[in-house]
Amino acid sequence: VLIMTALLVRRVTTFLPVVLIILAVYIFGSGMIFEFEFYPLQVGEILKYLPTSLLLDNLRTILFTRYFVWWSFLIPVGIIIVLVIINSKLLRYVLKQ
């Protein structure tokens, strides 16, 4: 969502810091490095619903219980695909101008 906002603003100086912030949020907020209990309660609850967090939770479920939950895999992948398509169309529109 922030990348879409940066693309709509049409400024490279806004786009690059937003991409770095998003990367940091995905790395530190998806549960790969720090568990969600490390963050304050409200922030941890919000971070649990990132698409990458849902995928990592599904991966942990598969590894430890050998049970695959389809909806928790397909919903985040669908969200990621839709956001990639929207961002690519926005980027193509911005670069044409």
Protein backbone atom coordinates (compact mmCIF):
# COMPACT_ATOMS: atom_id res chain seq x y z
CA VAL A 1 0.00 0.00 0.00
CA LEU A 2 2.84 2.40 0.79
CA ILE A 3 4.55 1.55 -2.49
CA MET A 4 1.33 2.39 -4.34
CA THR A 5 1.20 5.70 -2.49
CA ALA A 6 4.80 6.46 -3.39
CA LEU A 7 4.10 5.65 -7.04
CA LEU A 8 1.06 7.89 -7.06
CA VAL A 9 3.11 10.77 -5.62
CA ARG A 10 5.53 10.36 -8.57
CA ARG A 11 8.67 11.29 -6.70
CA VAL A 12 11.75 9.13 -6.61
CA THR A 13 12.86 10.73 -3.35
CA THR A 14 9.66 9.46 -1.75
CA PHE A 15 9.70 6.09 -3.49
CA LEU A 16 13.14 4.86 -2.38
CA PRO A 17 12.75 5.48 1.37
CA VAL A 18 9.30 3.90 1.29
CA VAL A 19 10.71 0.78 -0.37
CA LEU A 20 13.41 0.54 2.30
CA ILE A 21 10.85 0.98 5.08
CA ILE A 22 8.63 -1.72 3.59
CA LEU A 23 11.60 -4.07 3.30
CA ALA A 24 12.51 -3.48 6.95
CA VAL A 25 8.91 -4.06 8.06
CA TYR A 26 8.70 -7.32 6.10
CA ILE A 27 12.02 -8.60 7.42
CA PHE A 28 11.57 -7.61 11.06
CA GLY A 29 7.78 -7.76 11.23
CA SER A 30 7.02 -11.05 9.54
CA GLY A 31 8.27 -13.23 12.36
CA MET A 32 11.44 -14.38 10.61
CA ILE A 33 13.85 -12.73 13.04
CA PHE A 34 11.73 -11.65 16.04
CA GLU A 35 8.60 -13.34 17.33
CA PHE A 36 5.43 -11.24 17.54
CA GLU A 37 5.57 -11.26 21.35
CA PHE A 38 8.71 -9.10 21.10
CA TYR A 39 6.62 -6.16 19.83
CA PRO A 40 3.91 -4.29 21.76
CA LEU A 41 0.58 -6.13 21.80
CA GLN A 42 -1.22 -3.96 19.23
CA VAL A 43 1.74 -3.88 16.83
CA GLY A 44 2.18 -7.65 17.10
CA GLU A 45 -1.49 -8.20 16.29
CA ILE A 46 -1.22 -6.04 13.18
CA LEU A 47 2.00 -7.70 12.02
CA LYS A 48 0.43 -11.17 12.30
CA TYR A 49 -1.77 -10.38 9.30
CA LEU A 50 0.97 -9.41 6.84
CA PRO A 51 0.97 -11.79 3.86
CA THR A 52 4.53 -12.88 4.60
CA SER A 53 3.65 -13.55 8.24
CA LEU A 54 0.76 -15.75 7.20
CA LEU A 55 3.00 -17.68 4.81
CA LEU A 56 5.65 -18.21 7.50
CA ASP A 57 3.00 -19.34 9.96
CA ASN A 58 1.76 -21.83 7.38
CA LEU A 59 5.33 -23.04 6.84
CA ARG A 60 5.78 -23.60 10.59
CA THR A 61 2.49 -25.53 10.69
CA ILE A 62 3.64 -27.77 7.84
CA LEU A 63 7.06 -28.37 9.39
CA PHE A 64 5.91 -29.16 12.92
CA THR A 65 2.48 -30.77 12.49
CA ARG A 66 2.62 -32.08 8.89
CA TYR A 67 -0.77 -30.44 8.30
CA PHE A 68 -1.26 -28.13 5.30
CA VAL A 69 -3.95 -25.45 5.54
CA TRP A 70 -4.92 -24.36 2.03
CA TRP A 71 -6.74 -21.13 2.88
CA SER A 72 -3.84 -19.79 4.92
CA PHE A 73 -1.59 -20.38 1.91
CA LEU A 74 -3.81 -19.23 -0.96
CA ILE A 75 -5.12 -16.00 0.60
CA PRO A 76 -1.67 -14.41 1.20
CA VAL A 77 -0.42 -15.57 -2.21
CA GLY A 78 -3.53 -14.06 -3.82
CA ILE A 79 -3.01 -10.77 -1.97
CA ILE A 80 0.64 -10.68 -3.03
CA ILE A 81 -0.25 -11.36 -6.67
CA VAL A 82 -2.93 -8.65 -6.72
CA LEU A 83 -0.58 -6.08 -5.14
CA VAL A 84 2.21 -6.95 -7.61
CA ILE A 85 -0.19 -6.49 -10.54
CA ILE A 86 -1.48 -3.15 -9.21
CA ASN A 87 2.04 -1.89 -8.50
CA SER A 88 3.30 -2.94 -11.94
CA LYS A 89 0.43 -1.14 -13.66
CA LEU A 90 1.05 1.97 -11.54
CA LEU A 91 4.78 1.84 -12.24
CA ARG A 92 4.15 1.46 -15.97
CA TYR A 93 1.77 4.44 -15.87
CA VAL A 94 4.21 6.61 -13.90
CA LEU A 95 7.17 5.76 -16.15
CA LYS A 96 5.25 6.66 -19.30
CA GLN A 97 4.91 10.27 -18.15
